Amino acid sequence: MIGCRKLHPAGQTFVSSSRKKLRRPYIDRREDLFFDAVMERVHALLSVSISAFRQNPGKVLEEARGEPVAVFSHNRPAFYAVSPELMAETAELYDERQLATLVQSRLKSVKRAVKVSLDDL
């Protein structure tokens, strides 16, 4: 993989493709405070630097095999890259959720509905 990193299942440490652990933020155990680090939740198992992504974005998505990829800029997620298939699935799920919300709201007003036969139309 070209520069892709996989998150550890616990989501705490990055493990690079060369199996070299990257530095974790300093944690003061006495007060449980983080110093010089802002923790952000990453919503992808794969990540890549923005410079590696710029070199060959198609290769990064191909190596991700349909999984979303977090693209990092200055050690923070800048954006997420997904395959067209995953984007289509996500859009379909979003549309279904919107439709389900509409159906639920209309089911609440079913008592006010007026019966109509098809012959009357």
PDB file of N, CA and C in Angstrom:
ATOM      1  N   MET A   1       0.839  -1.181   0.000  1.00  0.00           N
ATOM      2  CA  MET A   1       0.000   0.000   0.000  1.00  0.00           C
ATOM      3  C   MET A   1       0.879   1.236   0.000  1.00  0.00           C
ATOM      4  N   ILE A   2       0.434   2.238  -0.697  1.00  0.00           N
ATOM      5  CA  ILE A   2       1.244   3.453  -0.746  1.00  0.00           C
ATOM      6  C   ILE A   2       0.843   4.380   0.392  1.00  0.00           C
ATOM      7  N   GLY A   3       1.528   4.277   1.475  1.00  0.00           N
ATOM      8  CA  GLY A   3       1.328   5.204   2.570  1.00  0.00           C
ATOM      9  C   GLY A   3       0.043   5.034   3.357  1.00  0.00           C
ATOM     10  N   CYS A   4      -0.756   4.002   3.102  1.00  0.00           N
ATOM     11  CA  CYS A   4      -1.991   3.805   3.866  1.00  0.00           C
ATOM     12  C   CYS A   4      -1.647   3.261   5.240  1.00  0.00           C
ATOM     13  N   ARG A   5      -2.362   3.715   6.224  1.00  0.00           N
ATOM     14  CA  ARG A   5      -2.179   3.215   7.579  1.00  0.00           C
ATOM     15  C   ARG A   5      -3.498   2.638   8.052  1.00  0.00           C
ATOM     16  N   LYS A   6      -3.439   1.592   8.829  1.00  0.00           N
ATOM     17  CA  LYS A   6      -4.644   0.979   9.361  1.00  0.00           C
ATOM     18  C   LYS A   6      -4.710   1.283  10.845  1.00  0.00           C
ATOM     19  N   LEU A   7      -5.883   1.653  11.321  1.00  0.00           N
ATOM     20  CA  LEU A   7      -6.039   1.933  12.745  1.00  0.00           C
ATOM     21  C   LEU A   7      -6.097   0.635  13.526  1.00  0.00           C
ATOM     22  N   HIS A   8      -5.523   0.673  14.693  1.00  0.00           N
ATOM     23  CA  HIS A   8      -5.603  -0.461  15.601  1.00  0.00           C
ATOM     24  C   HIS A   8      -7.063  -0.655  15.974  1.00  0.00           C
ATOM     25  N   PRO A   9      -7.549  -1.909  16.153  1.00  0.00           N
ATOM     26  CA  PRO A   9      -8.975  -2.117  16.455  1.00  0.00           C
ATOM     27  C   PRO A   9      -9.493  -1.288  17.625  1.00  0.00           C
ATOM     28  N   ALA A  10      -8.648  -1.010  18.599  1.00  0.00           N
ATOM     29  CA  ALA A  10      -9.097  -0.195  19.733  1.00  0.00           C
ATOM     30  C   ALA A  10      -9.185   1.268  19.357  1.00  0.00           C
ATOM     31  N   GLY A  11      -8.652   1.630  18.193  1.00  0.00           N
ATOM     32  CA  GLY A  11      -8.731   3.008  17.730  1.00  0.00           C
ATOM     33  C   GLY A  11      -7.768   3.937  18.431  1.00  0.00           C
ATOM     34  N   GLN A  12      -6.728   3.390  19.081  1.00  0.00           N
ATOM     35  CA  GLN A  12      -5.839   4.226  19.857  1.00  0.00           C
ATOM     36  C   GLN A  12      -4.542   4.542  19.129  1.00  0.00           C
ATOM     37  N   THR A  13      -4.024   3.617  18.354  1.00  0.00           N
ATOM     38  CA  THR A  13      -2.708   3.751  17.771  1.00  0.00           C
ATOM     39  C   THR A  13      -2.769   3.483  16.291  1.00  0.00           C
ATOM     40  N   PHE A  14      -1.990   4.219  15.526  1.00  0.00           N
ATOM     41  CA  PHE A  14      -1.852   3.922  14.115  1.00  0.00           C
ATOM     42  C   PHE A  14      -0.807   2.829  13.953  1.00  0.00           C
ATOM     43  N   VAL A  15      -1.066   1.903  13.054  1.00  0.00           N
ATOM     44  CA  VAL A  15      -0.075   0.904  12.709  1.00  0.00           C
ATOM     45  C   VAL A  15       0.166   1.071  11.221  1.00  0.00           C
ATOM     46  N   SER A  16       1.379   1.398  10.848  1.00  0.00           N
ATOM     47  CA  SER A  16       1.662   1.634   9.435  1.00  0.00           C
ATOM     48  C   SER A  16       1.831   0.309   8.722  1.00  0.00           C
ATOM     49  N   SER A  17       1.864   0.358   7.387  1.00  0.00           N
ATOM     50  CA  SER A  17       2.012  -0.870   6.614  1.00  0.00           C
ATOM     51  C   SER A  17       3.369  -1.510   6.854  1.00  0.00           C
ATOM     52  N   SER A  18       4.346  -0.762   7.373  1.00  0.00           N
ATOM     53  CA  SER A  18       5.648  -1.336   7.685  1.00  0.00           C
ATOM     54  C   SER A  18       5.701  -1.815   9.133  1.00  0.00           C
ATOM     55  N   ARG A  19       4.556  -1.838   9.815  1.00  0.00           N
ATOM     56  CA  ARG A  19       4.410  -2.313  11.195  1.00  0.00           C
ATOM     57  C   ARG A  19       5.161  -1.453  12.208  1.00  0.00           C
ATOM     58  N   LYS A  20       5.490  -0.230  11.849  1.00  0.00           N
ATOM     59  CA  LYS A  20       6.173   0.672  12.763  1.00  0.00           C
ATOM     60  C   LYS A  20       5.127   1.509  13.478  1.00  0.00           C
ATOM     61  N   LYS A  21       5.138   1.492  14.803  1.00  0.00           N
ATOM     62  CA  LYS A  21       4.162   2.272  15.560  1.00  0.00           C
ATOM     63  C   LYS A  21       4.509   3.748  15.490  1.00  0.00           C
ATOM     64  N   LEU A  22       3.492   4.548  15.315  1.00  0.00           N
ATOM     65  CA  LEU A  22       3.679   5.988  15.315  1.00  0.00           C
ATOM     66  C   LEU A  22       3.490   6.525  16.725  1.00  0.00           C
ATOM     67  N   ARG A  23       4.016   7.704  16.958  1.00  0.00           N
ATOM     68  CA  ARG A  23       3.986   8.294  18.283  1.00  0.00           C
ATOM     69  C   ARG A  23       2.572   8.621  18.742  1.00  0.00           C
ATOM     70  N   ARG A  24       2.254   8.274  19.956  1.00  0.00           N
ATOM     71  CA  ARG A  24       0.956   8.608  20.535  1.00  0.00           C
ATOM     72  C   ARG A  24       1.099   9.896  21.333  1.00  0.00           C
ATOM     73  N   PRO A  25      -0.021  10.600  21.557  1.00  0.00           N
ATOM     74  CA  PRO A  25       0.072  11.849  22.321  1.00  0.00           C
ATOM     75  C   PRO A  25       0.469  11.593  23.772  1.00  0.00           C
ATOM     76  N   TYR A  26       1.133  12.568  24.362  1.00  0.00           N
ATOM     77  CA  TYR A  26       1.530  12.479  25.757  1.00  0.00           C
ATOM     78  C   TYR A  26       0.286  12.575  26.633  1.00  0.00           C
ATOM     79  N   ILE A  27       0.155  11.650  27.566  1.00  0.00           N
ATOM     80  CA  ILE A  27      -0.989  11.628  28.476  1.00  0.00           C
ATOM     81  C   ILE A  27      -0.474  11.764  29.904  1.00  0.00           C
ATOM     82  N   ASP A  28      -0.975  12.748  30.622  1.00  0.00           N
ATOM     83  CA  ASP A  28      -0.647  12.906  32.030  1.00  0.00           C
ATOM     84  C   ASP A  28      -1.598  12.005  32.813  1.00  0.00           C
ATOM     85  N   ARG A  29      -1.106  10.884  33.303  1.00  0.00           N
ATOM     86  CA  ARG A  29      -1.954   9.888  33.976  1.00  0.00           C
ATOM     87  C   ARG A  29      -2.499  10.397  35.311  1.00  0.00           C
ATOM     88  N   ARG A  30      -1.807  11.331  35.954  1.00  0.00           N
ATOM     89  CA  ARG A  30      -2.282  11.794  37.252  1.00  0.00           C
ATOM     90  C   ARG A  30      -3.616  12.513  37.147  1.00  0.00           C
ATOM     91  N   GLU A  31      -3.750  13.366  36.159  1.00  0.00           N
ATOM     92  CA  GLU A  31      -4.966  14.144  36.020  1.00  0.00           C
ATOM     93  C   GLU A  31      -5.788  13.714  34.825  1.00  0.00           C
ATOM     94  N   ASP A  32      -5.261  12.727  34.068  1.00  0.00           N
ATOM     95  CA  ASP A  32      -5.962  12.201  32.897  1.00  0.00           C
ATOM     96  C   ASP A  32      -6.227  13.299  31.870  1.00  0.00           C
ATOM     97  N   LEU A  33      -5.253  14.193  31.679  1.00  0.00           N
ATOM     98  CA  LEU A  33      -5.379  15.284  30.731  1.00  0.00           C
ATOM     99  C   LEU A  33      -4.470  15.041  29.533  1.00  0.00           C
ATOM    100  N   PHE A  34      -4.877  15.536  28.392  1.00  0.00           N
ATOM    101  CA  PHE A  34      -4.053  15.465  27.194  1.00  0.00           C
ATOM    102  C   PHE A  34      -3.383  16.822  27.002  1.00  0.00           C
ATOM    103  N   PHE A  35      -2.081  16.800  26.758  1.00  0.00           N
ATOM    104  CA  PHE A  35      -1.336  18.021  26.514  1.00  0.00           C
ATOM    105  C   PHE A  35      -0.830  18.019  25.079  1.00  0.00           C
ATOM    106  N   ASP A  36      -0.905  19.158  24.419  1.00  0.00           N
ATOM    107  CA  ASP A  36      -0.408  19.337  23.054  1.00  0.00           C
ATOM    108  C   ASP A  36      -1.006  18.342  22.076  1.00  0.00           C
ATOM    109  N   ALA A  37      -2.202  17.881  22.322  1.00  0.00           N
ATOM    110  CA  ALA A  37      -2.844  16.960  21.385  1.00  0.00           C
ATOM    111  C   ALA A  37      -4.346  17.180  21.428  1.00  0.00           C
ATOM    112  N   VAL A  38      -4.940  17.204  20.274  1.00  0.00           N
ATOM    113  CA  VAL A  38      -6.391  17.289  20.178  1.00  0.00           C
ATOM    114  C   VAL A  38      -6.853  15.956  19.621  1.00  0.00           C
ATOM    115  N   MET A  39      -7.655  15.264  20.369  1.00  0.00           N
ATOM    116  CA  MET A  39      -8.120  13.948  19.936  1.00  0.00           C
ATOM    117  C   MET A  39      -9.352  14.131  19.062  1.00  0.00           C
ATOM    118  N   GLU A  40      -9.368  13.448  17.944  1.00  0.00           N
ATOM    119  CA  GLU A  40     -10.514  13.467  17.048  1.00  0.00           C
ATOM    120  C   GLU A  40     -10.871  12.038  16.689  1.00  0.00           C
ATOM    121  N   ARG A  41     -12.146  11.766  16.585  1.00  0.00           N
ATOM    122  CA  ARG A  41     -12.604  10.444  16.185  1.00  0.00           C
ATOM    123  C   ARG A  41     -12.417  10.298  14.676  1.00  0.00           C
ATOM    124  N   VAL A  42     -11.851   9.184  14.267  1.00  0.00           N
ATOM    125  CA  VAL A  42     -11.645   8.903  12.853  1.00  0.00           C
ATOM    126  C   VAL A  42     -12.669   7.850  12.446  1.00  0.00           C
ATOM    127  N   HIS A  43     -13.434   8.146  11.410  1.00  0.00           N
ATOM    128  CA  HIS A  43     -14.524   7.281  10.992  1.00  0.00           C
ATOM    129  C   HIS A  43     -14.131   6.373   9.833  1.00  0.00           C
ATOM    130  N   ALA A  44     -12.900   5.910   9.834  1.00  0.00           N
ATOM    131  CA  ALA A  44     -12.434   4.995   8.802  1.00  0.00           C
ATOM    132  C   ALA A  44     -11.300   4.154   9.378  1.00  0.00           C
ATOM    133  N   LEU A  45     -11.171   2.926   8.882  1.00  0.00           N
ATOM    134  CA  LEU A  45     -10.088   2.066   9.343  1.00  0.00           C
ATOM    135  C   LEU A  45      -8.788   2.343   8.602  1.00  0.00           C
ATOM    136  N   LEU A  46      -8.873   2.935   7.433  1.00  0.00           N
ATOM    137  CA  LEU A  46      -7.686   3.241   6.641  1.00  0.00           C
ATOM    138  C   LEU A  46      -7.462   4.739   6.604  1.00  0.00           C
ATOM    139  N   SER A  47      -6.194   5.133   6.603  1.00  0.00           N
ATOM    140  CA  SER A  47      -5.880   6.549   6.498  1.00  0.00           C
ATOM    141  C   SER A  47      -4.642   6.724   5.630  1.00  0.00           C
ATOM    142  N   VAL A  48      -4.503   7.910   5.070  1.00  0.00           N
ATOM    143  CA  VAL A  48      -3.378   8.227   4.205  1.00  0.00           C
ATOM    144  C   VAL A  48      -3.109   9.718   4.329  1.00  0.00           C
ATOM    145  N   SER A  49      -1.854  10.108   4.135  1.00  0.00           N
ATOM    146  CA  SER A  49      -1.534  11.541   4.169  1.00  0.00           C
ATOM    147  C   SER A  49      -2.045  12.193   2.895  1.00  0.00           C
ATOM    148  N   ILE A  50      -2.285  13.486   2.978  1.00  0.00           N
ATOM    149  CA  ILE A  50      -2.821  14.195   1.823  1.00  0.00           C
ATOM    150  C   ILE A  50      -1.801  14.234   0.684  1.00  0.00           C
ATOM    151  N   SER A  51      -0.508  14.279   1.008  1.00  0.00           N
ATOM    152  CA  SER A  51       0.509  14.288  -0.046  1.00  0.00           C
ATOM    153  C   SER A  51       0.556  12.953  -0.780  1.00  0.00           C
ATOM    154  N   ALA A  52       0.408  11.835  -0.058  1.00  0.00           N
ATOM    155  CA  ALA A  52       0.372  10.520  -0.713  1.00  0.00           C
ATOM    156  C   ALA A  52      -0.912  10.376  -1.529  1.00  0.00           C
ATOM    157  N   PHE A  53      -2.003  10.939  -1.038  1.00  0.00           N
ATOM    158  CA  PHE A  53      -3.265  10.868  -1.769  1.00  0.00           C
ATOM    159  C   PHE A  53      -3.182  11.676  -3.059  1.00  0.00           C
ATOM    160  N   ARG A  54      -2.532  12.836  -3.004  1.00  0.00           N
ATOM    161  CA  ARG A  54      -2.390  13.676  -4.196  1.00  0.00           C
ATOM    162  C   ARG A  54      -1.583  12.997  -5.287  1.00  0.00           C
ATOM    163  N   GLN A  55      -0.609  12.185  -4.901  1.00  0.00           N
ATOM    164  CA  GLN A  55       0.236  11.517  -5.886  1.00  0.00           C
ATOM    165  C   GLN A  55      -0.559  10.567  -6.770  1.00  0.00           C
ATOM    166  N   ASN A  56      -1.446   9.776  -6.162  1.00  0.00           N
ATOM    167  CA  ASN A  56      -2.212   8.818  -6.945  1.00  0.00           C
ATOM    168  C   ASN A  56      -3.508   8.460  -6.205  1.00  0.00           C
ATOM    169  N   PRO A  57      -4.533   9.302  -6.296  1.00  0.00           N
ATOM    170  CA  PRO A  57      -5.777   9.026  -5.566  1.00  0.00           C
ATOM    171  C   PRO A  57      -6.467   7.748  -6.029  1.00  0.00           C
ATOM    172  N   GLY A  58      -6.387   7.440  -7.309  1.00  0.00           N
ATOM    173  CA  GLY A  58      -7.010   6.213  -7.812  1.00  0.00           C
ATOM    174  C   GLY A  58      -6.399   4.973  -7.201  1.00  0.00           C
ATOM    175  N   LYS A  59      -5.088   4.975  -7.037  1.00  0.00           N
ATOM    176  CA  LYS A  59      -4.389   3.835  -6.447  1.00  0.00           C
ATOM    177  C   LYS A  59      -4.792   3.659  -4.981  1.00  0.00           C
ATOM    178  N   VAL A  60      -4.936   4.771  -4.262  1.00  0.00           N
ATOM    179  CA  VAL A  60      -5.334   4.703  -2.852  1.00  0.00           C
ATOM    180  C   VAL A  60      -6.716   4.065  -2.734  1.00  0.00           C
ATOM    181  N   LEU A  61      -7.675   4.510  -3.555  1.00  0.00           N
ATOM    182  CA  LEU A  61      -9.022   3.951  -3.493  1.00  0.00           C
ATOM    183  C   LEU A  61      -9.040   2.485  -3.936  1.00  0.00           C
ATOM    184  N   GLU A  62      -8.193   2.155  -4.903  1.00  0.00           N
ATOM    185  CA  GLU A  62      -8.123   0.770  -5.359  1.00  0.00           C
ATOM    186  C   GLU A  62      -7.601  -0.139  -4.247  1.00  0.00           C
ATOM    187  N   GLU A  63      -6.567   0.313  -3.548  1.00  0.00           N
ATOM    188  CA  GLU A  63      -5.999  -0.476  -2.461  1.00  0.00           C
ATOM    189  C   GLU A  63      -6.924  -0.549  -1.252  1.00  0.00           C
ATOM    190  N   ALA A  64      -7.826   0.400  -1.125  1.00  0.00           N
ATOM    191  CA  ALA A  64      -8.771   0.390  -0.003  1.00  0.00           C
ATOM    192  C   ALA A  64      -9.838  -0.676  -0.196  1.00  0.00           C
ATOM    193  N   ARG A  65     -10.020  -1.160  -1.417  1.00  0.00           N
ATOM    194  CA  ARG A  65     -10.984  -2.224  -1.733  1.00  0.00           C
ATOM    195  C   ARG A  65     -12.392  -1.896  -1.246  1.00  0.00           C
ATOM    196  N   GLY A  66     -12.843  -0.695  -1.569  1.00  0.00           N
ATOM    197  CA  GLY A  66     -14.213  -0.319  -1.240  1.00  0.00           C
ATOM    198  C   GLY A  66     -14.417   0.277   0.134  1.00  0.00           C
ATOM    199  N   GLU A  67     -13.404   0.288   0.970  1.00  0.00           N
ATOM    200  CA  GLU A  67     -13.515   0.865   2.309  1.00  0.00           C
ATOM    201  C   GLU A  67     -13.277   2.374   2.240  1.00  0.00           C
ATOM    202  N   PRO A  68     -13.868   3.147   3.145  1.00  0.00           N
ATOM    203  CA  PRO A  68     -13.576   4.580   3.176  1.00  0.00           C
ATOM    204  C   PRO A  68     -12.144   4.831   3.657  1.00  0.00           C
ATOM    205  N   VAL A  69     -11.538   5.890   3.188  1.00  0.00           N
ATOM    206  CA  VAL A  69     -10.170   6.244   3.549  1.00  0.00           C
ATOM    207  C   VAL A  69     -10.178   7.651   4.135  1.00  0.00           C
ATOM    208  N   ALA A  70      -9.609   7.801   5.323  1.00  0.00           N
ATOM    209  CA  ALA A  70      -9.455   9.130   5.927  1.00  0.00           C
ATOM    210  C   ALA A  70      -8.175   9.744   5.383  1.00  0.00           C
ATOM    211  N   VAL A  71      -8.291  10.937   4.816  1.00  0.00           N
ATOM    212  CA  VAL A  71      -7.124  11.637   4.279  1.00  0.00           C
ATOM    213  C   VAL A  71      -6.720  12.697   5.293  1.00  0.00           C
ATOM    214  N   PHE A  72      -5.472  12.586   5.772  1.00  0.00           N
ATOM    215  CA  PHE A  72      -4.993  13.451   6.845  1.00  0.00           C
ATOM    216  C   PHE A  72      -4.160  14.606   6.301  1.00  0.00           C
ATOM    217  N   SER A  73      -4.369  15.766   6.895  1.00  0.00           N
ATOM    218  CA  SER A  73      -3.542  16.934   6.643  1.00  0.00           C
ATOM    219  C   SER A  73      -3.108  17.465   8.005  1.00  0.00           C
ATOM    220  N   HIS A  74      -1.830  17.561   8.221  1.00  0.00           N
ATOM    221  CA  HIS A  74      -1.270  18.001   9.510  1.00  0.00           C
ATOM    222  C   HIS A  74      -1.800  17.142  10.660  1.00  0.00           C
ATOM    223  N   ASN A  75      -1.806  15.824  10.463  1.00  0.00           N
ATOM    224  CA  ASN A  75      -2.206  14.834  11.474  1.00  0.00           C
ATOM    225  C   ASN A  75      -3.647  14.974  11.935  1.00  0.00           C
ATOM    226  N   ARG A  76      -4.489  15.541  11.090  1.00  0.00           N
ATOM    227  CA  ARG A  76      -5.924  15.631  11.372  1.00  0.00           C
ATOM    228  C   ARG A  76      -6.674  15.193  10.125  1.00  0.00           C
ATOM    229  N   PRO A  77      -7.818  14.536  10.295  1.00  0.00           N
ATOM    230  CA  PRO A  77      -8.581  14.156   9.100  1.00  0.00           C
ATOM    231  C   PRO A  77      -9.083  15.398   8.360  1.00  0.00           C
ATOM    232  N   ALA A  78      -8.694  15.513   7.093  1.00  0.00           N
ATOM    233  CA  ALA A  78      -9.126  16.644   6.274  1.00  0.00           C
ATOM    234  C   ALA A  78     -10.418  16.296   5.543  1.00  0.00           C
ATOM    235  N   PHE A  79     -10.490  15.071   5.030  1.00  0.00           N
ATOM    236  CA  PHE A  79     -11.693  14.603   4.357  1.00  0.00           C
ATOM    237  C   PHE A  79     -11.630  13.092   4.233  1.00  0.00           C
ATOM    238  N   TYR A  80     -12.736  12.517   3.794  1.00  0.00           N
ATOM    239  CA  TYR A  80     -12.827  11.076   3.596  1.00  0.00           C
ATOM    240  C   TYR A  80     -13.040  10.812   2.112  1.00  0.00           C
ATOM    241  N   ALA A  81     -12.342   9.823   1.591  1.00  0.00           N
ATOM    242  CA  ALA A  81     -12.490   9.433   0.198  1.00  0.00           C
ATOM    243  C   ALA A  81     -13.174   8.069   0.158  1.00  0.00           C
ATOM    244  N   VAL A  82     -14.186   7.954  -0.686  1.00  0.00           N
ATOM    245  CA  VAL A  82     -14.906   6.690  -0.822  1.00  0.00           C
ATOM    246  C   VAL A  82     -15.042   6.334  -2.299  1.00  0.00           C
ATOM    247  N   SER A  83     -15.249   5.059  -2.553  1.00  0.00           N
ATOM    248  CA  SER A  83     -15.434   4.613  -3.925  1.00  0.00           C
ATOM    249  C   SER A  83     -16.822   5.030  -4.412  1.00  0.00           C
ATOM    250  N   PRO A  84     -17.022   5.099  -5.727  1.00  0.00           N
ATOM    251  CA  PRO A  84     -18.347   5.459  -6.245  1.00  0.00           C
ATOM    252  C   PRO A  84     -19.438   4.482  -5.795  1.00  0.00           C
ATOM    253  N   GLU A  85     -19.093   3.207  -5.668  1.00  0.00           N
ATOM    254  CA  GLU A  85     -20.071   2.211  -5.228  1.00  0.00           C
ATOM    255  C   GLU A  85     -20.524   2.485  -3.794  1.00  0.00           C
ATOM    256  N   LEU A  86     -19.564   2.781  -2.915  1.00  0.00           N
ATOM    257  CA  LEU A  86     -19.907   3.065  -1.519  1.00  0.00           C
ATOM    258  C   LEU A  86     -20.712   4.357  -1.410  1.00  0.00           C
ATOM    259  N   MET A  87     -20.374   5.343  -2.230  1.00  0.00           N
ATOM    260  CA  MET A  87     -21.137   6.603  -2.227  1.00  0.00           C
ATOM    261  C   MET A  87     -22.569   6.365  -2.678  1.00  0.00           C
ATOM    262  N   ALA A  88     -22.765   5.515  -3.692  1.00  0.00           N
ATOM    263  CA  ALA A  88     -24.114   5.200  -4.163  1.00  0.00           C
ATOM    264  C   ALA A  88     -24.909   4.483  -3.076  1.00  0.00           C
ATOM    265  N   GLU A  89     -24.273   3.537  -2.373  1.00  0.00           N
ATOM    266  CA  GLU A  89     -24.946   2.837  -1.272  1.00  0.00           C
ATOM    267  C   GLU A  89     -25.337   3.815  -0.168  1.00  0.00           C
ATOM    268  N   THR A  90     -24.425   4.706   0.160  1.00  0.00           N
ATOM    269  CA  THR A  90     -24.687   5.690   1.218  1.00  0.00           C
ATOM    270  C   THR A  90     -25.827   6.613   0.826  1.00  0.00           C
ATOM    271  N   ALA A  91     -25.837   7.066  -0.424  1.00  0.00           N
ATOM    272  CA  ALA A  91     -26.917   7.937  -0.897  1.00  0.00           C
ATOM    273  C   ALA A  91     -28.252   7.207  -0.874  1.00  0.00           C
ATOM    274  N   GLU A  92     -28.252   5.934  -1.244  1.00  0.00           N
ATOM    275  CA  GLU A  92     -29.486   5.138  -1.218  1.00  0.00           C
ATOM    276  C   GLU A  92     -30.008   4.987   0.210  1.00  0.00           C
ATOM    277  N   LEU A  93     -29.107   4.703   1.152  1.00  0.00           N
ATOM    278  CA  LEU A  93     -29.512   4.585   2.560  1.00  0.00           C
ATOM    279  C   LEU A  93     -30.056   5.907   3.091  1.00  0.00           C
ATOM    280  N   TYR A  94     -29.444   7.012   2.689  1.00  0.00           N
ATOM    281  CA  TYR A  94     -29.917   8.328   3.113  1.00  0.00           C
ATOM    282  C   TYR A  94     -31.321   8.592   2.564  1.00  0.00           C
ATOM    283  N   ASP A  95     -31.527   8.283   1.293  1.00  0.00           N
ATOM    284  CA  ASP A  95     -32.850   8.482   0.694  1.00  0.00           C
ATOM    285  C   ASP A  95     -33.910   7.629   1.379  1.00  0.00           C
ATOM    286  N   GLU A  96     -33.554   6.374   1.693  1.00  0.00           N
ATOM    287  CA  GLU A  96     -34.501   5.499   2.383  1.00  0.00           C
ATOM    288  C   GLU A  96     -34.843   6.030   3.765  1.00  0.00           C
ATOM    289  N   ARG A  97     -33.857   6.562   4.447  1.00  0.00           N
ATOM    290  CA  ARG A  97     -34.113   7.114   5.788  1.00  0.00           C
ATOM    291  C   ARG A  97     -35.026   8.333   5.707  1.00  0.00           C
ATOM    292  N   GLN A  98     -34.805   9.192   4.724  1.00  0.00           N
ATOM    293  CA  GLN A  98     -35.662  10.357   4.545  1.00  0.00           C
ATOM    294  C   GLN A  98     -37.090   9.924   4.226  1.00  0.00           C
ATOM    295  N   LEU A  99     -37.226   8.909   3.379  1.00  0.00           N
ATOM    296  CA  LEU A  99     -38.548   8.407   3.019  1.00  0.00           C
ATOM    297  C   LEU A  99     -39.239   7.783   4.227  1.00  0.00           C
ATOM    298  N   ALA A 100     -38.487   7.055   5.054  1.00  0.00           N
ATOM    299  CA  ALA A 100     -39.061   6.445   6.260  1.00  0.00           C
ATOM    300  C   ALA A 100     -39.570   7.525   7.209  1.00  0.00           C
ATOM    301  N   THR A 101     -38.849   8.626   7.323  1.00  0.00           N
ATOM    302  CA  THR A 101     -39.284   9.736   8.175  1.00  0.00           C
ATOM    303  C   THR A 101     -40.583  10.336   7.642  1.00  0.00           C
ATOM    304  N   LEU A 102     -40.676  10.493   6.344  1.00  0.00           N
ATOM    305  CA  LEU A 102     -41.888  11.025   5.726  1.00  0.00           C
ATOM    306  C   LEU A 102     -43.076  10.086   5.946  1.00  0.00           C
ATOM    307  N   VAL A 103     -42.845   8.782   5.781  1.00  0.00           N
ATOM    308  CA  VAL A 103     -43.911   7.795   5.991  1.00  0.00           C
ATOM    309  C   VAL A 103     -44.387   7.833   7.437  1.00  0.00           C
ATOM    310  N   GLN A 104     -43.454   7.898   8.383  1.00  0.00           N
ATOM    311  CA  GLN A 104     -43.827   7.943   9.800  1.00  0.00           C
ATOM    312  C   GLN A 104     -44.671   9.181  10.103  1.00  0.00           C
ATOM    313  N   SER A 105     -44.325  10.314   9.549  1.00  0.00           N
ATOM    314  CA  SER A 105     -45.102  11.529   9.811  1.00  0.00           C
ATOM    315  C   SER A 105     -46.495  11.430   9.198  1.00  0.00           C
ATOM    316  N   ARG A 106     -46.591  10.805   8.028  1.00  0.00           N
ATOM    317  CA  ARG A 106     -47.903  10.674   7.393  1.00  0.00           C
ATOM    318  C   ARG A 106     -48.763   9.613   8.068  1.00  0.00           C
ATOM    319  N   LEU A 107     -48.144   8.592   8.662  1.00  0.00           N
ATOM    320  CA  LEU A 107     -48.919   7.576   9.384  1.00  0.00           C
ATOM    321  C   LEU A 107     -49.583   8.172  10.623  1.00  0.00           C
ATOM    322  N   LYS A 108     -48.997   9.198  11.187  1.00  0.00           N
ATOM    323  CA  LYS A 108     -49.587   9.844  12.358  1.00  0.00           C
ATOM    324  C   LYS A 108     -50.886  10.554  11.996  1.00  0.00           C
ATOM    325  N   SER A 109     -51.020  10.979  10.745  1.00  0.00           N
ATOM    326  CA  SER A 109     -52.218  11.701  10.332  1.00  0.00           C
ATOM    327  C   SER A 109     -53.193  10.821   9.540  1.00  0.00           C
ATOM    328  N   VAL A 110     -53.073   9.507   9.664  1.00  0.00           N
ATOM    329  CA  VAL A 110     -53.937   8.607   8.892  1.00  0.00           C
ATOM    330  C   VAL A 110     -55.398   8.699   9.345  1.00  0.00           C
ATOM    331  N   LYS A 111     -55.652   9.131  10.565  1.00  0.00           N
ATOM    332  CA  LYS A 111     -57.022   9.253  11.061  1.00  0.00           C
ATOM    333  C   LYS A 111     -57.774  10.372  10.339  1.00  0.00           C
ATOM    334  N   ARG A 112     -57.034  11.340   9.813  1.00  0.00           N
ATOM    335  CA  ARG A 112     -57.664  12.444   9.095  1.00  0.00           C
ATOM    336  C   ARG A 112     -57.832  12.149   7.604  1.00  0.00           C
ATOM    337  N   ALA A 113     -57.412  10.959   7.173  1.00  0.00           N
ATOM    338  CA  ALA A 113     -57.453  10.628   5.749  1.00  0.00           C
ATOM    339  C   ALA A 113     -58.893  10.480   5.274  1.00  0.00           C
ATOM    340  N   VAL A 114     -59.108  10.770   4.021  1.00  0.00           N
ATOM    341  CA  VAL A 114     -60.426  10.655   3.383  1.00  0.00           C
ATOM    342  C   VAL A 114     -60.382   9.459   2.452  1.00  0.00           C
ATOM    343  N   LYS A 115     -61.380   8.563   2.593  1.00  0.00           N
ATOM    344  CA  LYS A 115     -61.424   7.393   1.734  1.00  0.00           C
ATOM    345  C   LYS A 115     -61.884   7.795   0.345  1.00  0.00           C
ATOM    346  N   VAL A 116     -61.164   7.273  -0.659  1.00  0.00           N
ATOM    347  CA  VAL A 116     -61.480   7.554  -2.063  1.00  0.00           C
ATOM    348  C   VAL A 116     -61.352   6.253  -2.812  1.00  0.00           C
ATOM    349  N   SER A 117     -62.321   5.970  -3.674  1.00  0.00           N
ATOM    350  CA  SER A 117     -62.193   4.770  -4.502  1.00  0.00           C
ATOM    351  C   SER A 117     -61.541   5.161  -5.825  1.00  0.00           C
ATOM    352  N   LEU A 118     -60.932   4.200  -6.482  1.00  0.00           N
ATOM    353  CA  LEU A 118     -60.277   4.466  -7.753  1.00  0.00           C
ATOM    354  C   LEU A 118     -61.289   4.846  -8.832  1.00  0.00           C
ATOM    355  N   ASP A 119     -62.513   4.373  -8.708  1.00  0.00           N
ATOM    356  CA  ASP A 119     -63.531   4.726  -9.698  1.00  0.00           C
ATOM    357  C   ASP A 119     -63.897   6.199  -9.631  1.00  0.00           C
ATOM    358  N   ASP A 120     -63.806   6.781  -8.446  1.00  0.00           N
ATOM    359  CA  ASP A 120     -64.116   8.194  -8.285  1.00  0.00           C
ATOM    360  C   ASP A 120     -63.066   9.109  -8.921  1.00  0.00           C
ATOM    361  N   LEU A 121     -61.897   8.581  -9.079  1.00  0.00           N
ATOM    362  CA  LEU A 121     -60.816   9.404  -9.664  1.00  0.00           C
ATOM    363  C   LEU A 121     -60.979   9.409 -11.141  1.00  0.00           C
TER     364      LEU A 121
END
